[in-house]
Amino acid sequence: MQINVLMELKKEPKMLELLKYNSYWLKDLNRDATSFKRYKENMKAKYHLRTTDKISDAIDNIDIISNVLSALK
């Protein structure tokens, strides 16, 4: 595995956790360093770290708060 890929993996604990549970990524990352981008996108999708996921969570929280406030009236 290339050093820069290894350093990127060690920066974020979620990346290492995903690699631990999905070891098939090791083969891809060892063979082709350009697959790191796909790995990172997969990690963001799995752990809901994409911008769309964050916006969706914020909208859900606003809906819950508005439902609680309307129930208190």
C-alpha atoms as a PDB file:
ATOM      1  CA  MET A   1       0.000   0.000   0.000  1.00  0.00           C
ATOM      2  CA  GLN A   2       1.304   3.439  -0.800  1.00  0.00           C
ATOM      3  CA  ILE A   3       2.419   5.644   2.065  1.00  0.00           C
ATOM      4  CA  ASN A   4       0.044   8.502   1.268  1.00  0.00           C
ATOM      5  CA  VAL A   5      -2.962   6.145   1.284  1.00  0.00           C
ATOM      6  CA  LEU A   6      -1.842   4.667   4.577  1.00  0.00           C
ATOM      7  CA  MET A   7      -1.433   8.122   6.114  1.00  0.00           C
ATOM      8  CA  GLU A   8      -4.923   9.140   4.958  1.00  0.00           C
ATOM      9  CA  LEU A   9      -6.356   5.980   6.510  1.00  0.00           C
ATOM     10  CA  LYS A  10      -4.695   6.691   9.841  1.00  0.00           C
ATOM     11  CA  LYS A  11      -5.981  10.284   9.942  1.00  0.00           C
ATOM     12  CA  GLU A  12      -9.601   9.288  10.365  1.00  0.00           C
ATOM     13  CA  PRO A  13     -10.661   6.480  12.754  1.00  0.00           C
ATOM     14  CA  LYS A  14     -13.829   5.743  10.778  1.00  0.00           C
ATOM     15  CA  MET A  15     -11.742   4.809   7.759  1.00  0.00           C
ATOM     16  CA  LEU A  16      -9.786   2.259   9.752  1.00  0.00           C
ATOM     17  CA  GLU A  17     -12.974   0.901  11.291  1.00  0.00           C
ATOM     18  CA  LEU A  18     -14.539   0.368   7.875  1.00  0.00           C
ATOM     19  CA  LEU A  19     -11.359  -1.302   6.686  1.00  0.00           C
ATOM     20  CA  LYS A  20     -11.405  -3.621   9.682  1.00  0.00           C
ATOM     21  CA  TYR A  21     -14.953  -4.807   8.987  1.00  0.00           C
ATOM     22  CA  ASN A  22     -14.667  -4.806   5.181  1.00  0.00           C
ATOM     23  CA  SER A  23     -11.226  -6.230   4.567  1.00  0.00           C
ATOM     24  CA  TYR A  24     -11.847  -6.742   0.859  1.00  0.00           C
ATOM     25  CA  TRP A  25     -10.923  -3.067   0.473  1.00  0.00           C
ATOM     26  CA  LEU A  26      -7.336  -3.952   1.397  1.00  0.00           C
ATOM     27  CA  LYS A  27      -6.902  -5.787  -1.886  1.00  0.00           C
ATOM     28  CA  ASP A  28      -8.225  -2.843  -3.886  1.00  0.00           C
ATOM     29  CA  LEU A  29      -6.176  -0.267  -2.010  1.00  0.00           C
ATOM     30  CA  ASN A  30      -3.018  -2.339  -2.340  1.00  0.00           C
ATOM     31  CA  ARG A  31      -3.438  -2.830  -6.067  1.00  0.00           C
ATOM     32  CA  ASP A  32      -4.634   0.601  -7.093  1.00  0.00           C
ATOM     33  CA  ALA A  33      -4.200   3.784  -5.065  1.00  0.00           C
ATOM     34  CA  THR A  34      -6.838   5.551  -7.161  1.00  0.00           C
ATOM     35  CA  SER A  35      -9.502   3.334  -5.587  1.00  0.00           C
ATOM     36  CA  PHE A  36      -9.014   5.347  -2.378  1.00  0.00           C
ATOM     37  CA  LYS A  37     -11.530   7.894  -3.670  1.00  0.00           C
ATOM     38  CA  ARG A  38     -14.163   5.167  -4.048  1.00  0.00           C
ATOM     39  CA  TYR A  39     -13.270   3.861  -0.593  1.00  0.00           C
ATOM     40  CA  LYS A  40     -13.697   7.313   0.929  1.00  0.00           C
ATOM     41  CA  GLU A  41     -17.075   7.795  -0.790  1.00  0.00           C
ATOM     42  CA  ASN A  42     -18.180   4.376   0.464  1.00  0.00           C
ATOM     43  CA  MET A  43     -17.129   5.293   4.009  1.00  0.00           C
ATOM     44  CA  LYS A  44     -19.048   8.566   3.879  1.00  0.00           C
ATOM     45  CA  ALA A  45     -22.157   6.803   2.598  1.00  0.00           C
ATOM     46  CA  LYS A  46     -21.969   4.068   5.234  1.00  0.00           C
ATOM     47  CA  TYR A  47     -21.484   6.433   8.167  1.00  0.00           C
ATOM     48  CA  HIS A  48     -23.836   9.143   6.816  1.00  0.00           C
ATOM     49  CA  LEU A  49     -21.127  11.788   6.540  1.00  0.00           C
ATOM     50  CA  ARG A  50     -22.172  13.212   3.183  1.00  0.00           C
ATOM     51  CA  THR A  51     -23.597  16.719   2.956  1.00  0.00           C
ATOM     52  CA  THR A  52     -26.967  15.397   1.806  1.00  0.00           C
ATOM     53  CA  ASP A  53     -27.129  13.110   4.850  1.00  0.00           C
ATOM     54  CA  LYS A  54     -26.376  16.011   7.188  1.00  0.00           C
ATOM     55  CA  ILE A  55     -29.067  18.176   5.568  1.00  0.00           C
ATOM     56  CA  SER A  56     -31.563  15.332   5.800  1.00  0.00           C
ATOM     57  CA  ASP A  57     -30.763  14.834   9.491  1.00  0.00           C
ATOM     58  CA  ALA A  58     -31.201  18.560  10.148  1.00  0.00           C
ATOM     59  CA  ILE A  59     -34.579  18.562   8.397  1.00  0.00           C
ATOM     60  CA  ASP A  60     -35.654  15.527  10.417  1.00  0.00           C
ATOM     61  CA  ASN A  61     -34.640  17.261  13.644  1.00  0.00           C
ATOM     62  CA  ILE A  62     -36.584  20.395  12.677  1.00  0.00           C
ATOM     63  CA  ASP A  63     -39.648  18.258  11.940  1.00  0.00           C
ATOM     64  CA  ILE A  64     -39.399  16.538  15.321  1.00  0.00           C
ATOM     65  CA  ILE A  65     -39.063  19.846  17.151  1.00  0.00           C
ATOM     66  CA  SER A  66     -42.002  21.374  15.287  1.00  0.00           C
ATOM     67  CA  ASN A  67     -44.142  18.296  16.032  1.00  0.00           C
ATOM     68  CA  VAL A  68     -43.274  18.484  19.731  1.00  0.00           C
ATOM     69  CA  LEU A  69     -44.054  22.211  19.845  1.00  0.00           C
ATOM     70  CA  SER A  70     -47.364  21.727  18.059  1.00  0.00           C
ATOM     71  CA  ALA A  71     -48.260  18.924  20.486  1.00  0.00           C
ATOM     72  CA  LEU A  72     -47.579  21.210  23.441  1.00  0.00           C
ATOM     73  CA  LYS A  73     -50.017  23.876  22.216  1.00  0.00           C
END
